[in-house]
Every structure is written in C-alpha cells, then in structure tokens.
Amino acid sequence: MITGELALLTAAAFAGAAVYVSLVEQPARLHLAPGPLLAQWQPSYARAARMQGALALLATALGLAAWYASGDGRWLAGAGLSLANWPYTLLVLLPTNRALMAIPPETADESVRPLIRHWGRLHAVRSGLGLAAAAAFLWALH
C-alpha cells in the first residue's frame, strides 16, 4: 500500500529530525555561552518548526488515507500519534518557545540556559511521539 509506505516514510523523517535535535543539536548548543546559545536556538527552532509541522501534518493525512483505504486501526493510531505533536506543541511547548524567542541574544545571560534545558526536555516528547507514530505505521505495514 503506497499510502501507508509514504505515511511511514514521512513519520520516520519527522522522528529522525526530532531525535537529531534531542540527541545531537541540543546537547551541542548547551556548550555555548548564553548569547550564542540563544542566537543558535532561535533560527534553528524557526526552521525546524516549519519542517516538522509540515511533516507531522503530512504523516497524519497519509495515515488517515491508509486507514480509510484499509480499515486497519493501526493506521489511525499512527495518524493520531503524528497529529498529537500539534496540540502538544501549541499547548505545552509554545509558552517556552515564545519566552525564548522574546529574548534578544545580545541581552542573554545565564538565565537562558535553564529555559533551553527545559525546552529540550519538552521537545524530547515530540521525539517520542514521532517514534511511536513511525512504529505504528511500520506495524500496520507488517
């Protein structure tokens, strides 16, 4: 089923990007001084938000299409896990995102570091949701 394979591919791309941020980019940026730390986080977040938001929606749509075509609830589960990234981001992550985006990097001090650490813990949930969605789609394919 091509729709299901595309759902898996899209969910895996989302999960891969989220896991990369959690395991590679976030730990590396935390070694920077407060100003450069924030100066790196702000454009990185802005770019990743667009890409990951689109991937989550596309994986959701493809999962729903695969569910509609097959009636297999595993596709619906994967679509739900993909979609869950949106309300989670808007309700849980957005306040931290806004706080970090409101700080000019040239005024950043050490108070930024705990906020970015907190953001990293919140973002790890997105990695988990992405991996769970990809796993559900993989399960549905087999």
Protein backbone atom coordinates (compact mmCIF):
# COMPACT_ATOMS: atom_id res chain seq x y z
CA MET A 1 0.00 0.00 0.00
CA ILE A 2 1.81 3.11 -1.26
CA THR A 3 -0.12 5.48 1.03
CA GLY A 4 0.96 3.51 4.07
CA GLU A 5 4.56 3.38 2.93
CA LEU A 6 4.53 7.15 2.43
CA ALA A 7 2.97 7.60 5.90
CA LEU A 8 5.81 5.55 7.39
CA LEU A 9 8.43 7.46 5.42
CA THR A 10 7.02 10.82 6.50
CA ALA A 11 6.65 9.81 10.14
CA ALA A 12 10.20 8.43 10.12
CA ALA A 13 11.51 11.70 8.66
CA PHE A 14 9.73 13.61 11.44
CA ALA A 15 11.07 11.23 14.09
CA GLY A 16 14.59 11.38 12.68
CA ALA A 17 14.63 15.17 12.71
CA ALA A 18 13.21 15.32 16.24
CA VAL A 19 15.64 12.72 17.58
CA TYR A 20 18.56 14.52 15.91
CA VAL A 21 17.59 17.74 17.69
CA SER A 22 17.23 15.93 21.02
CA LEU A 23 20.41 13.83 20.86
CA VAL A 24 22.80 15.94 18.80
CA GLU A 25 21.87 19.59 18.35
CA GLN A 26 20.50 20.29 21.84
CA PRO A 27 23.50 18.86 23.76
CA ALA A 28 25.94 20.63 21.43
CA ARG A 29 24.27 24.03 21.75
CA LEU A 30 24.29 23.79 25.55
CA HIS A 31 28.09 24.13 25.44
CA LEU A 32 27.76 27.68 24.07
CA ALA A 33 27.78 30.89 26.09
CA PRO A 34 24.28 32.35 26.73
CA GLY A 35 24.25 34.84 23.82
CA PRO A 36 25.47 32.40 21.16
CA LEU A 37 23.30 29.67 22.70
CA LEU A 38 20.17 31.71 22.15
CA ALA A 39 21.40 33.04 18.80
CA GLN A 40 21.74 29.43 17.62
CA TRP A 41 18.46 28.19 19.13
CA GLN A 42 16.21 30.91 17.69
CA PRO A 43 16.79 30.40 13.94
CA SER A 44 17.15 26.64 14.41
CA TYR A 45 13.76 26.48 16.11
CA ALA A 46 12.12 28.67 13.46
CA ARG A 47 13.35 26.44 10.63
CA ALA A 48 12.63 23.16 12.40
CA ALA A 49 9.12 24.25 13.38
CA ARG A 50 8.11 24.74 9.75
CA MET A 51 9.65 21.49 8.60
CA GLN A 52 8.44 19.32 11.47
CA GLY A 53 4.98 20.88 11.50
CA ALA A 54 4.54 20.05 7.84
CA LEU A 55 5.87 16.50 8.28
CA ALA A 56 3.51 15.85 11.20
CA LEU A 57 0.51 17.02 9.19
CA LEU A 58 1.54 15.06 6.10
CA ALA A 59 2.11 11.87 8.13
CA THR A 60 -1.32 12.39 9.71
CA ALA A 61 -3.03 12.83 6.34
CA LEU A 62 -1.28 9.81 4.82
CA GLY A 63 -2.06 7.68 7.87
CA LEU A 64 -5.72 8.67 7.68
CA ALA A 65 -5.80 7.85 3.97
CA ALA A 66 -4.24 4.43 4.65
CA TRP A 67 -6.79 3.81 7.42
CA TYR A 68 -9.66 4.86 5.15
CA ALA A 69 -8.43 2.54 2.39
CA SER A 70 -7.77 -0.45 4.64
CA GLY A 71 -9.95 -0.06 7.72
CA ASP A 72 -6.92 -1.08 9.81
CA GLY A 73 -6.93 0.83 13.11
CA ARG A 74 -3.13 0.76 13.34
CA TRP A 75 -3.04 3.42 10.61
CA LEU A 76 -5.45 5.51 12.65
CA ALA A 77 -3.24 5.10 15.72
CA GLY A 78 -0.18 6.27 13.80
CA ALA A 79 -2.10 9.22 12.40
CA GLY A 80 -3.26 10.16 15.89
CA LEU A 81 0.28 9.98 17.25
CA SER A 82 1.53 12.15 14.38
CA LEU A 83 -1.23 14.68 14.91
CA ALA A 84 -0.62 14.73 18.68
CA ASN A 85 2.54 16.73 18.02
CA TRP A 86 0.44 19.75 17.06
CA PRO A 87 -1.64 20.19 20.22
CA TYR A 88 1.34 19.19 22.37
CA THR A 89 3.47 21.85 20.72
CA LEU A 90 0.77 24.52 20.89
CA LEU A 91 -0.30 23.83 24.47
CA VAL A 92 2.90 22.68 26.18
CA LEU A 93 5.91 23.85 24.18
CA LEU A 94 4.70 27.18 22.83
CA PRO A 95 4.97 29.16 26.09
CA THR A 96 8.65 28.21 26.39
CA ASN A 97 9.22 28.87 22.68
CA ARG A 98 7.70 32.35 22.98
CA ALA A 99 9.75 33.15 26.07
CA LEU A 100 12.96 32.16 24.29
CA MET A 101 12.07 33.99 21.08
CA ALA A 102 11.36 37.19 23.06
CA ILE A 103 14.90 37.45 24.44
CA PRO A 104 17.38 39.33 22.25
CA PRO A 105 20.57 37.20 22.09
CA GLU A 106 22.72 40.23 22.91
CA THR A 107 20.96 40.56 26.29
CA ALA A 108 21.00 36.83 27.12
CA ASP A 109 22.52 35.83 30.43
CA GLU A 110 22.81 32.52 32.30
CA SER A 111 19.06 32.53 32.98
CA VAL A 112 18.61 31.40 29.36
CA ARG A 113 20.35 28.06 29.89
CA PRO A 114 17.74 26.50 32.25
CA LEU A 115 14.97 27.65 29.91
CA ILE A 116 16.65 25.97 26.93
CA ARG A 117 17.29 22.84 29.02
CA HIS A 118 13.57 22.82 29.88
CA TRP A 119 12.73 23.26 26.19
CA GLY A 120 14.93 20.25 25.40
CA ARG A 121 13.06 18.05 27.87
CA LEU A 122 9.73 19.16 26.41
CA HIS A 123 11.00 18.60 22.87
CA ALA A 124 12.02 15.04 23.73
CA VAL A 125 8.30 14.21 23.98
CA ARG A 126 7.96 15.19 20.32
CA SER A 127 10.74 12.72 19.52
CA GLY A 128 8.82 10.02 21.38
CA LEU A 129 5.57 10.81 19.58
CA GLY A 130 7.35 10.70 16.22
CA LEU A 131 8.99 7.36 17.00
CA ALA A 132 5.68 5.94 18.23
CA ALA A 133 3.89 7.09 15.05
CA ALA A 134 6.57 5.53 12.85
CA ALA A 135 6.37 2.30 14.88
CA ALA A 136 2.57 2.19 14.48
CA PHE A 137 2.87 2.67 10.72
CA LEU A 138 5.59 0.02 10.49
CA TRP A 139 3.38 -2.35 12.49
CA ALA A 140 0.47 -1.66 10.14
CA LEU A 141 2.64 -2.50 7.12
CA HIS A 142 3.54 -5.90 8.53
